[in-house]
Amino acid sequence: MKFPRRLLLILFVSLMLISLRSLAADETNPAIVPTRRIELFNGKDLTGWKFFMRGNANPTNTWSAADGLIKCTGQPTGYLRTEKDYRNYELTAEWRFVKIGPKADNGGILVHMRLPDKIWPLCIQCQGKHDAVGDLFLMSGAESKEHRGMDANTPLVKHGESAEKSVGDWNICKLICSGNSVKVYVNGRLMNETTECTVTSGKIGFQAEGAAFEVRRVYIEPVK
């Protein structure tokens, strides 16, 4: 079937306008590259963060800020993510499990998260499941050299035994997001690394998927 030349021209111009609008939006909201330490949690409230919950559930049943902590009940399922996008940074999160149980022991740290918000967004997840912290998931179409050819639900398994502390003790997760690579350290031990990632910037978030946990600090710094 042949399309009239005028119709093809209209379609071409429309596509060009859509592309230009997208570029303009990206230019007005570029990903931030930190030049100093940026505290993502102010210790008082969740200013600078957004919620997304499965089934439009009330996020206050899952997330709160009190006693200088971000508190997550683990249910209903969803996530808390930054309003802003970031790239080329070292992310440090100090967190602990409050309580775990059968099928209630999961969470995660999300980096390079892209819109639209959904369960689950395009991103790279540092697994937050008890005894599996440090596994890496390439989610909703994200890909990397080490993961290429693997099923989307198959993680890059952490290197060695778990470096987590006991439930109730504080852990330190450091994610070094440099260029197109992501490294994960748990309590000072290198647990995983992936390269040639297809996403290299985006929002930062915490996943609620069963486990009750708390975060006392979360900040980014320039890559050393």
N, C-alpha and C. Protein backbone atom coordinates (compact mmCIF):
# COMPACT_ATOMS: atom_id res chain seq x y z
N MET A 1 0.86 -1.20 0.00
CA MET A 1 0.00 0.00 0.00
C MET A 1 0.88 1.24 0.00
N LYS A 2 0.61 2.20 -0.90
CA LYS A 2 1.36 3.44 -0.98
C LYS A 2 0.64 4.54 -0.20
N PHE A 3 1.43 5.27 0.60
CA PHE A 3 0.86 6.37 1.35
C PHE A 3 1.10 7.67 0.57
N PRO A 4 0.12 8.60 0.59
CA PRO A 4 0.33 9.89 -0.08
C PRO A 4 1.55 10.61 0.49
N ARG A 5 2.27 11.28 -0.39
CA ARG A 5 3.50 11.97 0.03
C ARG A 5 3.23 12.98 1.12
N ARG A 6 2.09 13.67 1.03
CA ARG A 6 1.77 14.68 2.05
C ARG A 6 1.59 14.04 3.42
N LEU A 7 0.92 12.85 3.45
CA LEU A 7 0.72 12.16 4.72
C LEU A 7 2.05 11.72 5.32
N LEU A 8 2.95 11.21 4.48
CA LEU A 8 4.27 10.81 4.96
C LEU A 8 5.02 12.00 5.53
N LEU A 9 4.89 13.16 4.87
CA LEU A 9 5.57 14.36 5.35
C LEU A 9 5.02 14.78 6.71
N ILE A 10 3.70 14.70 6.87
CA ILE A 10 3.08 15.06 8.15
C ILE A 10 3.56 14.13 9.26
N LEU A 11 3.61 12.82 8.96
CA LEU A 11 4.07 11.85 9.95
C LEU A 11 5.53 12.12 10.34
N PHE A 12 6.36 12.42 9.35
CA PHE A 12 7.77 12.70 9.61
C PHE A 12 7.93 13.92 10.51
N VAL A 13 7.22 14.99 10.18
CA VAL A 13 7.31 16.22 10.98
C VAL A 13 6.82 15.98 12.40
N SER A 14 5.74 15.20 12.55
CA SER A 14 5.21 14.90 13.89
C SER A 14 6.23 14.15 14.72
N LEU A 15 6.88 13.16 14.12
CA LEU A 15 7.90 12.39 14.84
C LEU A 15 9.07 13.28 15.23
N MET A 16 9.46 14.18 14.36
CA MET A 16 10.55 15.11 14.67
C MET A 16 10.20 16.01 15.84
N LEU A 17 8.96 16.49 15.88
CA LEU A 17 8.53 17.36 16.98
C LEU A 17 8.53 16.61 18.29
N ILE A 18 8.06 15.35 18.27
CA ILE A 18 8.07 14.54 19.49
C ILE A 18 9.49 14.34 19.99
N SER A 19 10.42 14.05 19.06
CA SER A 19 11.82 13.84 19.44
C SER A 19 12.43 15.11 20.03
N LEU A 20 12.11 16.26 19.43
CA LEU A 20 12.66 17.53 19.93
C LEU A 20 12.12 17.85 21.31
N ARG A 21 10.83 17.55 21.55
CA ARG A 21 10.27 17.78 22.88
C ARG A 21 10.95 16.89 23.91
N SER A 22 11.22 15.63 23.55
CA SER A 22 11.90 14.72 24.46
C SER A 22 13.30 15.21 24.78
N LEU A 23 14.02 15.68 23.76
CA LEU A 23 15.35 16.21 23.98
C LEU A 23 15.32 17.43 24.87
N ALA A 24 14.33 18.30 24.64
CA ALA A 24 14.21 19.50 25.47
C ALA A 24 13.95 19.14 26.92
N ALA A 25 13.10 18.13 27.13
CA ALA A 25 12.81 17.69 28.50
C ALA A 25 14.06 17.16 29.17
N ASP A 26 14.88 16.37 28.42
CA ASP A 26 16.11 15.84 28.98
C ASP A 26 17.08 16.95 29.34
N GLU A 27 17.13 18.01 28.50
CA GLU A 27 18.06 19.09 28.75
C GLU A 27 17.66 19.92 29.96
N THR A 28 16.34 20.01 30.22
CA THR A 28 15.90 20.80 31.37
C THR A 28 15.98 19.99 32.66
N ASN A 29 16.08 18.66 32.55
CA ASN A 29 16.20 17.80 33.73
C ASN A 29 17.37 16.83 33.56
N PRO A 30 18.59 17.37 33.43
CA PRO A 30 19.73 16.48 33.21
C PRO A 30 20.07 15.71 34.48
N ALA A 31 20.70 14.55 34.30
CA ALA A 31 21.14 13.76 35.45
C ALA A 31 22.27 14.51 36.16
N ILE A 32 22.20 14.54 37.48
CA ILE A 32 23.17 15.27 38.29
C ILE A 32 24.41 14.41 38.51
N VAL A 33 25.57 14.99 38.27
CA VAL A 33 26.85 14.35 38.61
C VAL A 33 27.36 15.04 39.87
N PRO A 34 27.45 14.35 41.01
CA PRO A 34 27.82 15.03 42.25
C PRO A 34 29.26 15.53 42.23
N THR A 35 29.47 16.72 42.76
CA THR A 35 30.82 17.27 42.93
C THR A 35 31.20 17.31 44.40
N ARG A 36 30.27 16.90 45.26
CA ARG A 36 30.49 16.84 46.71
C ARG A 36 29.48 15.83 47.25
N ARG A 37 29.55 15.55 48.53
CA ARG A 37 28.57 14.63 49.13
C ARG A 37 27.19 15.27 49.11
N ILE A 38 26.20 14.50 48.69
CA ILE A 38 24.80 14.93 48.69
C ILE A 38 24.01 13.96 49.56
N GLU A 39 23.46 14.45 50.66
CA GLU A 39 22.61 13.63 51.52
C GLU A 39 21.23 13.53 50.87
N LEU A 40 20.81 12.32 50.55
CA LEU A 40 19.51 12.13 49.91
C LEU A 40 18.37 12.06 50.93
N PHE A 41 18.69 11.78 52.17
CA PHE A 41 17.70 11.76 53.26
C PHE A 41 18.11 12.80 54.28
N ASN A 42 17.19 13.73 54.57
CA ASN A 42 17.52 14.84 55.47
C ASN A 42 17.39 14.48 56.95
N GLY A 43 17.00 13.24 57.25
CA GLY A 43 16.89 12.81 58.63
C GLY A 43 15.60 13.20 59.32
N LYS A 44 14.72 13.93 58.60
CA LYS A 44 13.48 14.42 59.22
C LYS A 44 12.23 13.94 58.49
N ASP A 45 12.24 14.03 57.15
CA ASP A 45 11.06 13.66 56.38
C ASP A 45 11.50 13.16 55.02
N LEU A 46 10.54 12.89 54.16
CA LEU A 46 10.84 12.29 52.86
C LEU A 46 10.80 13.32 51.73
N THR A 47 11.20 14.56 52.04
CA THR A 47 11.36 15.58 51.01
C THR A 47 12.37 15.10 49.98
N GLY A 48 12.02 15.26 48.71
CA GLY A 48 12.91 14.84 47.63
C GLY A 48 12.68 13.42 47.15
N TRP A 49 11.67 12.75 47.75
CA TRP A 49 11.38 11.36 47.39
C TRP A 49 9.94 11.25 46.89
N LYS A 50 9.71 10.24 46.04
CA LYS A 50 8.38 9.92 45.52
C LYS A 50 8.07 8.46 45.79
N PHE A 51 6.77 8.14 45.88
CA PHE A 51 6.33 6.76 46.10
C PHE A 51 5.71 6.20 44.83
N PHE A 52 5.82 4.88 44.70
CA PHE A 52 4.98 4.17 43.73
C PHE A 52 4.63 2.82 44.32
N MET A 53 3.32 2.55 44.44
CA MET A 53 2.86 1.35 45.12
C MET A 53 1.96 0.52 44.20
N ARG A 54 2.07 -0.79 44.34
CA ARG A 54 1.23 -1.68 43.55
C ARG A 54 -0.24 -1.43 43.89
N GLY A 55 -1.07 -1.34 42.83
CA GLY A 55 -2.50 -1.15 43.03
C GLY A 55 -2.87 0.19 43.64
N ASN A 56 -1.96 1.18 43.52
CA ASN A 56 -2.20 2.51 44.10
C ASN A 56 -2.46 2.44 45.60
N ALA A 57 -1.80 1.50 46.27
CA ALA A 57 -1.95 1.38 47.72
C ALA A 57 -1.46 2.63 48.41
N ASN A 58 -1.96 2.88 49.60
CA ASN A 58 -1.56 4.04 50.38
C ASN A 58 -0.10 3.88 50.81
N PRO A 59 0.82 4.73 50.34
CA PRO A 59 2.24 4.56 50.66
C PRO A 59 2.57 4.75 52.13
N THR A 60 1.72 5.46 52.86
CA THR A 60 2.02 5.68 54.28
C THR A 60 1.87 4.41 55.10
N ASN A 61 1.25 3.37 54.52
CA ASN A 61 1.20 2.08 55.19
C ASN A 61 2.53 1.33 55.07
N THR A 62 3.39 1.83 54.19
CA THR A 62 4.67 1.17 53.92
C THR A 62 5.86 2.02 54.35
N TRP A 63 5.81 3.31 54.04
CA TRP A 63 6.96 4.18 54.21
C TRP A 63 6.67 5.30 55.21
N SER A 64 7.66 5.61 56.03
CA SER A 64 7.56 6.74 56.94
C SER A 64 8.96 7.22 57.30
N ALA A 65 9.03 8.39 57.87
CA ALA A 65 10.29 8.93 58.40
C ALA A 65 10.05 9.32 59.85
N ALA A 66 10.83 8.74 60.74
CA ALA A 66 10.69 9.01 62.17
C ALA A 66 11.97 8.61 62.88
N ASP A 67 12.29 9.32 63.95
CA ASP A 67 13.46 9.00 64.77
C ASP A 67 14.76 9.05 63.97
N GLY A 68 14.79 9.91 62.94
CA GLY A 68 15.99 10.03 62.12
C GLY A 68 16.18 8.90 61.15
N LEU A 69 15.11 8.13 60.86
CA LEU A 69 15.21 6.94 60.01
C LEU A 69 14.14 6.95 58.93
N ILE A 70 14.46 6.35 57.77
CA ILE A 70 13.44 5.94 56.82
C ILE A 70 12.99 4.56 57.26
N LYS A 71 11.68 4.37 57.45
CA LYS A 71 11.16 3.09 57.92
C LYS A 71 10.26 2.48 56.87
N CYS A 72 10.48 1.19 56.61
CA CYS A 72 9.70 0.46 55.63
C CYS A 72 9.11 -0.78 56.29
N THR A 73 7.79 -0.94 56.20
CA THR A 73 7.14 -2.11 56.77
C THR A 73 7.28 -3.34 55.87
N GLY A 74 7.62 -3.11 54.60
CA GLY A 74 7.75 -4.21 53.65
C GLY A 74 6.50 -4.52 52.85
N GLN A 75 5.36 -4.04 53.31
CA GLN A 75 4.09 -4.30 52.64
C GLN A 75 3.21 -3.06 52.69
N PRO A 76 2.38 -2.81 51.68
CA PRO A 76 2.29 -3.48 50.38
C PRO A 76 3.54 -3.25 49.52
N THR A 77 3.63 -3.98 48.42
CA THR A 77 4.77 -3.91 47.52
C THR A 77 4.81 -2.56 46.80
N GLY A 78 6.03 -2.05 46.63
CA GLY A 78 6.23 -0.80 45.91
C GLY A 78 7.64 -0.30 46.09
N TYR A 79 7.83 0.98 45.86
CA TYR A 79 9.17 1.54 46.06
C TYR A 79 9.11 3.03 46.37
N LEU A 80 10.21 3.48 46.93
CA LEU A 80 10.45 4.89 47.23
C LEU A 80 11.64 5.30 46.37
N ARG A 81 11.52 6.41 45.63
CA ARG A 81 12.61 6.80 44.74
C ARG A 81 12.82 8.31 44.74
N THR A 82 14.02 8.71 44.37
CA THR A 82 14.34 10.14 44.34
C THR A 82 13.57 10.84 43.23
N GLU A 83 13.32 12.12 43.44
CA GLU A 83 12.71 12.92 42.39
C GLU A 83 13.70 13.19 41.27
N LYS A 84 14.98 13.32 41.63
CA LYS A 84 16.01 13.70 40.66
C LYS A 84 16.76 12.48 40.12
N ASP A 85 17.41 12.69 38.98
CA ASP A 85 18.25 11.67 38.35
C ASP A 85 19.71 11.96 38.64
N TYR A 86 20.51 10.88 38.72
CA TYR A 86 21.93 11.01 39.02
C TYR A 86 22.73 10.06 38.13
N ARG A 87 23.99 10.41 37.91
CA ARG A 87 24.92 9.53 37.20
C ARG A 87 26.34 9.76 37.72
N ASN A 88 27.18 8.76 37.52
CA ASN A 88 28.58 8.82 37.96
C ASN A 88 28.69 9.22 39.43
N TYR A 89 28.42 8.26 40.30
CA TYR A 89 28.42 8.55 41.73
C TYR A 89 28.76 7.29 42.52
N GLU A 90 29.10 7.50 43.78
CA GLU A 90 29.20 6.42 44.75
C GLU A 90 28.04 6.59 45.72
N LEU A 91 27.19 5.58 45.79
CA LEU A 91 26.03 5.60 46.67
C LEU A 91 26.33 4.80 47.92
N THR A 92 26.08 5.38 49.08
CA THR A 92 26.23 4.68 50.35
C THR A 92 24.90 4.66 51.06
N ALA A 93 24.46 3.47 51.45
CA ALA A 93 23.22 3.31 52.22
C ALA A 93 23.52 2.52 53.48
N GLU A 94 23.17 3.10 54.63
CA GLU A 94 23.31 2.41 55.92
C GLU A 94 21.91 1.95 56.32
N TRP A 95 21.73 0.64 56.43
CA TRP A 95 20.40 0.08 56.62
C TRP A 95 20.48 -1.18 57.48
N ARG A 96 19.32 -1.62 57.93
CA ARG A 96 19.25 -2.86 58.69
C ARG A 96 17.88 -3.50 58.53
N PHE A 97 17.86 -4.82 58.59
CA PHE A 97 16.59 -5.53 58.69
C PHE A 97 16.04 -5.33 60.10
N VAL A 98 14.76 -5.02 60.21
CA VAL A 98 14.09 -4.93 61.50
C VAL A 98 13.49 -6.29 61.86
N LYS A 99 12.88 -6.91 60.85
CA LYS A 99 12.23 -8.20 61.06
C LYS A 99 12.14 -8.91 59.72
N ILE A 100 12.39 -10.22 59.71
CA ILE A 100 12.21 -11.01 58.50
C ILE A 100 11.42 -12.26 58.85
N GLY A 101 10.88 -12.89 57.83
CA GLY A 101 10.15 -14.13 58.02
C GLY A 101 9.99 -14.81 56.68
N PRO A 102 9.39 -15.98 56.63
CA PRO A 102 9.16 -16.67 55.37
C PRO A 102 8.37 -15.80 54.40
N LYS A 103 8.92 -15.62 53.21
CA LYS A 103 8.31 -14.77 52.18
C LYS A 103 8.15 -13.32 52.64
N ALA A 104 8.88 -12.94 53.66
CA ALA A 104 8.88 -11.55 54.15
C ALA A 104 10.30 -11.16 54.50
N ASP A 105 11.20 -11.37 53.52
CA ASP A 105 12.62 -11.15 53.77
C ASP A 105 13.31 -10.45 52.60
N ASN A 106 12.51 -9.71 51.81
CA ASN A 106 13.05 -9.18 50.55
C ASN A 106 12.94 -7.66 50.49
N GLY A 107 13.87 -7.06 49.77
CA GLY A 107 13.88 -5.62 49.50
C GLY A 107 14.87 -5.37 48.39
N GLY A 108 15.43 -4.18 48.34
CA GLY A 108 16.43 -3.92 47.31
C GLY A 108 16.76 -2.45 47.19
N ILE A 109 17.92 -2.18 46.60
CA ILE A 109 18.35 -0.82 46.27
C ILE A 109 18.35 -0.71 44.76
N LEU A 110 17.67 0.30 44.23
CA LEU A 110 17.49 0.48 42.80
C LEU A 110 18.31 1.67 42.33
N VAL A 111 19.08 1.48 41.26
CA VAL A 111 19.84 2.59 40.67
C VAL A 111 19.55 2.66 39.17
N HIS A 112 19.83 3.83 38.60
CA HIS A 112 19.60 4.07 37.16
C HIS A 112 18.14 3.81 36.79
N MET A 113 17.23 4.15 37.69
CA MET A 113 15.81 3.90 37.48
C MET A 113 15.23 4.90 36.48
N ARG A 114 14.49 4.37 35.51
CA ARG A 114 13.88 5.21 34.48
C ARG A 114 12.36 5.20 34.60
N LEU A 115 11.77 6.32 34.21
CA LEU A 115 10.32 6.41 34.12
C LEU A 115 9.84 5.69 32.87
N PRO A 116 8.59 5.26 32.80
CA PRO A 116 7.52 5.54 33.76
C PRO A 116 7.61 4.65 35.00
N ASP A 117 7.02 5.15 36.09
CA ASP A 117 6.92 4.34 37.30
C ASP A 117 6.03 3.14 37.02
N LYS A 118 6.48 1.98 37.46
CA LYS A 118 5.69 0.76 37.32
C LYS A 118 6.32 -0.30 38.22
N ILE A 119 5.65 -1.42 38.39
CA ILE A 119 6.18 -2.57 39.12
C ILE A 119 6.57 -3.62 38.08
N TRP A 120 7.87 -3.74 37.75
CA TRP A 120 9.03 -2.99 38.25
C TRP A 120 9.62 -2.13 37.14
N PRO A 121 10.27 -1.01 37.51
CA PRO A 121 10.78 -0.10 36.49
C PRO A 121 12.08 -0.59 35.87
N LEU A 122 12.42 0.01 34.74
CA LEU A 122 13.72 -0.20 34.12
C LEU A 122 14.79 0.32 35.07
N CYS A 123 15.68 -0.56 35.51
CA CYS A 123 16.71 -0.16 36.47
C CYS A 123 17.68 -1.31 36.70
N ILE A 124 18.66 -1.09 37.55
CA ILE A 124 19.54 -2.14 38.05
C ILE A 124 19.29 -2.23 39.55
N GLN A 125 19.03 -3.45 40.01
CA GLN A 125 18.72 -3.65 41.42
C GLN A 125 19.84 -4.40 42.13
N CYS A 126 20.29 -3.81 43.24
CA CYS A 126 21.12 -4.55 44.18
C CYS A 126 20.15 -5.29 45.09
N GLN A 127 20.14 -6.59 44.99
CA GLN A 127 19.20 -7.40 45.75
C GLN A 127 19.27 -7.09 47.23
N GLY A 128 18.09 -7.02 47.85
CA GLY A 128 18.02 -6.79 49.28
C GLY A 128 17.39 -7.95 50.03
N LYS A 129 17.42 -9.12 49.43
CA LYS A 129 16.87 -10.31 50.08
C LYS A 129 17.87 -10.84 51.10
N HIS A 130 17.36 -11.24 52.27
CA HIS A 130 18.22 -11.74 53.34
C HIS A 130 19.13 -12.86 52.83
N ASP A 131 20.42 -12.74 53.10
CA ASP A 131 21.47 -13.68 52.69
C ASP A 131 21.76 -13.65 51.20
N ALA A 132 21.18 -12.69 50.47
CA ALA A 132 21.46 -12.58 49.04
C ALA A 132 21.83 -11.15 48.66
N VAL A 133 22.06 -10.29 49.66
CA VAL A 133 22.40 -8.89 49.36
C VAL A 133 23.72 -8.86 48.58
N GLY A 134 23.67 -8.23 47.42
CA GLY A 134 24.84 -8.19 46.55
C GLY A 134 24.59 -8.85 45.21
N ASP A 135 23.55 -9.71 45.11
CA ASP A 135 23.12 -10.17 43.80
C ASP A 135 22.67 -8.94 43.00
N LEU A 136 22.81 -9.00 41.68
CA LEU A 136 22.38 -7.90 40.83
C LEU A 136 21.32 -8.37 39.84
N PHE A 137 20.21 -7.62 39.78
CA PHE A 137 19.16 -7.90 38.81
C PHE A 137 19.15 -6.79 37.76
N LEU A 138 19.09 -7.17 36.50
CA LEU A 138 18.90 -6.23 35.40
C LEU A 138 17.41 -6.27 35.07
N MET A 139 16.70 -5.20 35.39
CA MET A 139 15.24 -5.24 35.43
C MET A 139 14.56 -4.55 34.25
N SER A 140 13.49 -5.18 33.76
CA SER A 140 12.56 -4.58 32.78
C SER A 140 13.24 -4.10 31.50
N GLY A 141 14.25 -4.85 31.05
CA GLY A 141 14.91 -4.51 29.79
C GLY A 141 16.31 -3.97 29.94
N ALA A 142 16.72 -3.61 31.15
CA ALA A 142 18.12 -3.22 31.35
C ALA A 142 19.00 -4.43 31.07
N GLU A 143 20.22 -4.19 30.59
CA GLU A 143 21.11 -5.29 30.23
C GLU A 143 22.55 -4.91 30.51
N SER A 144 23.43 -5.90 30.56
CA SER A 144 24.87 -5.67 30.76
C SER A 144 25.65 -6.79 30.11
N LYS A 145 26.95 -6.60 30.01
CA LYS A 145 27.82 -7.60 29.37
C LYS A 145 27.71 -8.95 30.06
N GLU A 146 27.79 -8.95 31.39
CA GLU A 146 27.79 -10.20 32.13
C GLU A 146 26.43 -10.89 32.15
N HIS A 147 25.36 -10.12 31.96
CA HIS A 147 24.01 -10.67 32.05
C HIS A 147 23.45 -11.05 30.68
N ARG A 148 24.07 -10.56 29.62
CA ARG A 148 23.53 -10.76 28.28
C ARG A 148 23.32 -12.24 27.98
N GLY A 149 22.14 -12.57 27.46
CA GLY A 149 21.82 -13.96 27.16
C GLY A 149 21.15 -14.70 28.29
N MET A 150 21.05 -14.07 29.47
CA MET A 150 20.41 -14.69 30.62
C MET A 150 18.94 -14.25 30.70
N ASP A 151 18.12 -15.07 31.35
CA ASP A 151 16.73 -14.71 31.58
C ASP A 151 16.64 -13.47 32.45
N ALA A 152 15.62 -12.65 32.19
CA ALA A 152 15.47 -11.39 32.92
C ALA A 152 15.35 -11.59 34.42
N ASN A 153 14.81 -12.72 34.86
CA ASN A 153 14.63 -12.97 36.28
C ASN A 153 15.81 -13.69 36.92
N THR A 154 16.88 -13.89 36.13
CA THR A 154 18.08 -14.54 36.66
C THR A 154 19.09 -13.48 37.06
N PRO A 155 19.50 -13.47 38.33
CA PRO A 155 20.45 -12.43 38.77
C PRO A 155 21.89 -12.80 38.47
N LEU A 156 22.74 -11.79 38.51
CA LEU A 156 24.18 -12.01 38.59
C LEU A 156 24.47 -12.27 40.06
N VAL A 157 24.87 -13.50 40.37
CA VAL A 157 25.00 -13.92 41.76
C VAL A 157 26.22 -13.29 42.40
N LYS A 158 26.07 -12.89 43.66
CA LYS A 158 27.16 -12.26 44.42
C LYS A 158 28.37 -13.18 44.49
N HIS A 159 29.52 -12.59 44.71
CA HIS A 159 30.77 -13.32 44.80
C HIS A 159 30.99 -13.81 46.23
N GLY A 160 30.86 -15.08 46.45
CA GLY A 160 31.14 -15.62 47.77
C GLY A 160 29.95 -15.62 48.70
N GLU A 161 30.22 -15.94 49.96
CA GLU A 161 29.16 -16.02 50.96
C GLU A 161 28.66 -14.64 51.35
N SER A 162 27.50 -14.61 51.98
CA SER A 162 26.88 -13.36 52.38
C SER A 162 27.79 -12.56 53.32
N ALA A 163 27.80 -11.23 53.11
CA ALA A 163 28.56 -10.34 53.99
C ALA A 163 27.64 -9.57 54.92
N GLU A 164 26.35 -9.95 54.94
CA GLU A 164 25.39 -9.26 55.80
C GLU A 164 25.68 -9.50 57.28
N LYS A 165 25.23 -8.54 58.09
CA LYS A 165 25.26 -8.72 59.53
C LYS A 165 23.93 -9.30 60.00
N SER A 166 23.83 -9.61 61.25
CA SER A 166 22.62 -10.22 61.80
C SER A 166 21.45 -9.24 61.71
N VAL A 167 20.24 -9.79 61.67
CA VAL A 167 19.04 -8.96 61.68
C VAL A 167 19.07 -8.05 62.90
N GLY A 168 18.85 -6.76 62.66
CA GLY A 168 18.91 -5.76 63.73
C GLY A 168 20.20 -4.98 63.77
N ASP A 169 21.27 -5.52 63.14
CA ASP A 169 22.55 -4.81 63.07
C ASP A 169 22.62 -4.01 61.78
N TRP A 170 23.39 -2.92 61.82
CA TRP A 170 23.48 -2.03 60.67
C TRP A 170 24.47 -2.55 59.63
N ASN A 171 24.05 -2.47 58.36
CA ASN A 171 24.89 -2.82 57.22
C ASN A 171 25.22 -1.56 56.43
N ILE A 172 26.31 -1.62 55.70
CA ILE A 172 26.67 -0.53 54.78
C ILE A 172 26.79 -1.12 53.38
N CYS A 173 25.93 -0.66 52.49
CA CYS A 173 26.01 -1.02 51.07
C CYS A 173 26.57 0.16 50.31
N LYS A 174 27.58 -0.08 49.49
CA LYS A 174 28.13 0.96 48.63
C LYS A 174 28.03 0.49 47.19
N LEU A 175 27.37 1.29 46.37
CA LEU A 175 27.26 1.01 44.94
C LEU A 175 28.05 2.08 44.19
N ILE A 176 29.06 1.65 43.46
CA ILE A 176 29.86 2.57 42.66
C ILE A 176 29.34 2.51 41.23
N CYS A 177 28.66 3.56 40.84
CA CYS A 177 28.06 3.65 39.50
C CYS A 177 28.92 4.59 38.67
N SER A 178 29.87 4.02 37.96
CA SER A 178 30.85 4.80 37.21
C SER A 178 30.73 4.47 35.73
N GLY A 179 30.37 5.47 34.93
CA GLY A 179 30.18 5.22 33.50
C GLY A 179 29.11 4.15 33.31
N ASN A 180 29.48 3.07 32.59
CA ASN A 180 28.50 2.02 32.35
C ASN A 180 28.74 0.77 33.20
N SER A 181 29.41 0.95 34.33
CA SER A 181 29.65 -0.18 35.23
C SER A 181 29.04 0.09 36.60
N VAL A 182 28.72 -0.99 37.30
CA VAL A 182 28.20 -0.92 38.67
C VAL A 182 28.95 -1.94 39.52
N LYS A 183 29.54 -1.47 40.63
CA LYS A 183 30.17 -2.35 41.61
C LYS A 183 29.38 -2.28 42.90
N VAL A 184 29.31 -3.41 43.61
CA VAL A 184 28.57 -3.48 44.86
C VAL A 184 29.49 -3.97 45.98
N TYR A 185 29.57 -3.17 47.04
CA TYR A 185 30.29 -3.56 48.24
C TYR A 185 29.28 -3.69 49.37
N VAL A 186 29.39 -4.76 50.15
CA VAL A 186 28.55 -4.95 51.33
C VAL A 186 29.46 -5.08 52.53
N ASN A 187 29.33 -4.11 53.45
CA ASN A 187 30.18 -4.07 54.66
C ASN A 187 31.66 -4.19 54.31
N GLY A 188 32.04 -3.45 53.25
CA GLY A 188 33.44 -3.34 52.88
C GLY A 188 33.95 -4.43 51.95
N ARG A 189 33.13 -5.42 51.62
CA ARG A 189 33.58 -6.52 50.77
C ARG A 189 32.96 -6.38 49.37
N LEU A 190 33.81 -6.47 48.34
CA LEU A 190 33.31 -6.42 46.97
C LEU A 190 32.49 -7.69 46.72
N MET A 191 31.19 -7.49 46.42
CA MET A 191 30.29 -8.63 46.25
C MET A 191 29.89 -8.86 44.80
N ASN A 192 30.00 -7.83 43.94
CA ASN A 192 29.54 -8.00 42.57
C ASN A 192 30.01 -6.85 41.71
N GLU A 193 30.02 -7.09 40.40
CA GLU A 193 30.37 -6.05 39.44
C GLU A 193 29.77 -6.42 38.10
N THR A 194 29.23 -5.44 37.39
CA THR A 194 28.77 -5.67 36.03
C THR A 194 29.15 -4.47 35.17
N THR A 195 29.40 -4.73 33.88
CA THR A 195 29.94 -3.71 32.98
C THR A 195 29.09 -3.61 31.72
N GLU A 196 29.36 -2.57 30.94
CA GLU A 196 28.65 -2.33 29.69
C GLU A 196 27.14 -2.32 29.90
N CYS A 197 26.70 -1.67 30.98
CA CYS A 197 25.27 -1.57 31.28
C CYS A 197 24.59 -0.66 30.27
N THR A 198 23.38 -1.01 29.91
CA THR A 198 22.64 -0.20 28.94
C THR A 198 21.93 0.99 29.57
N VAL A 199 21.91 1.06 30.90
CA VAL A 199 21.41 2.25 31.60
C VAL A 199 22.54 2.77 32.47
N THR A 200 22.77 4.07 32.42
CA THR A 200 23.91 4.66 33.14
C THR A 200 23.52 5.86 33.97
N SER A 201 22.24 6.18 34.04
CA SER A 201 21.78 7.29 34.87
C SER A 201 20.31 7.08 35.19
N GLY A 202 19.84 7.77 36.20
CA GLY A 202 18.43 7.68 36.57
C GLY A 202 18.22 7.94 38.05
N LYS A 203 17.06 7.57 38.51
CA LYS A 203 16.69 7.81 39.90
C LYS A 203 17.24 6.69 40.80
N ILE A 204 17.26 6.96 42.09
CA ILE A 204 17.75 6.02 43.10
C ILE A 204 16.58 5.65 44.00
N GLY A 205 16.44 4.38 44.34
CA GLY A 205 15.28 4.01 45.13
C GLY A 205 15.51 2.83 46.05
N PHE A 206 14.52 2.61 46.93
CA PHE A 206 14.48 1.45 47.81
C PHE A 206 13.20 0.68 47.51
N GLN A 207 13.31 -0.63 47.48
CA GLN A 207 12.20 -1.50 47.12
C GLN A 207 11.57 -2.11 48.36
N ALA A 208 10.25 -2.09 48.41
CA ALA A 208 9.51 -2.78 49.48
C ALA A 208 8.95 -4.06 48.90
N GLU A 209 9.41 -5.20 49.41
CA GLU A 209 8.92 -6.47 48.90
C GLU A 209 8.92 -7.53 50.00
N GLY A 210 8.40 -7.13 51.16
CA GLY A 210 8.20 -8.11 52.22
C GLY A 210 8.94 -7.85 53.51
N ALA A 211 10.23 -7.50 53.42
CA ALA A 211 11.03 -7.34 54.63
C ALA A 211 10.83 -5.97 55.26
N ALA A 212 10.76 -5.92 56.58
CA ALA A 212 10.74 -4.65 57.31
C ALA A 212 12.18 -4.22 57.53
N PHE A 213 12.51 -3.00 57.10
CA PHE A 213 13.88 -2.51 57.25
C PHE A 213 13.88 -1.01 57.53
N GLU A 214 15.04 -0.53 57.94
CA GLU A 214 15.23 0.89 58.22
C GLU A 214 16.51 1.38 57.55
N VAL A 215 16.50 2.65 57.17
CA VAL A 215 17.67 3.30 56.57
C VAL A 215 17.99 4.52 57.42
N ARG A 216 19.24 4.62 57.88
CA ARG A 216 19.57 5.80 58.69
C ARG A 216 20.36 6.84 57.91
N ARG A 217 21.05 6.42 56.86
CA ARG A 217 21.74 7.38 56.01
C ARG A 217 21.74 6.86 54.58
N VAL A 218 21.58 7.76 53.63
CA VAL A 218 21.75 7.45 52.22
C VAL A 218 22.28 8.70 51.54
N TYR A 219 23.45 8.57 50.93
CA TYR A 219 24.07 9.74 50.30
C TYR A 219 24.89 9.30 49.09
N ILE A 220 25.18 10.27 48.21
CA ILE A 220 26.05 10.01 47.07
C ILE A 220 27.24 10.96 47.14
N GLU A 221 28.33 10.51 46.51
CA GLU A 221 29.58 11.28 46.46
C GLU A 221 30.17 11.14 45.06
N PRO A 222 31.12 12.01 44.71
CA PRO A 222 31.82 11.82 43.43
C PRO A 222 32.56 10.49 43.41
N VAL A 223 32.65 9.88 42.25
CA VAL A 223 33.41 8.64 42.12
C VAL A 223 34.88 8.95 42.33
N LYS A 224 35.50 8.18 43.20
CA LYS A 224 36.92 8.39 43.51
C LYS A 224 37.77 7.76 42.42
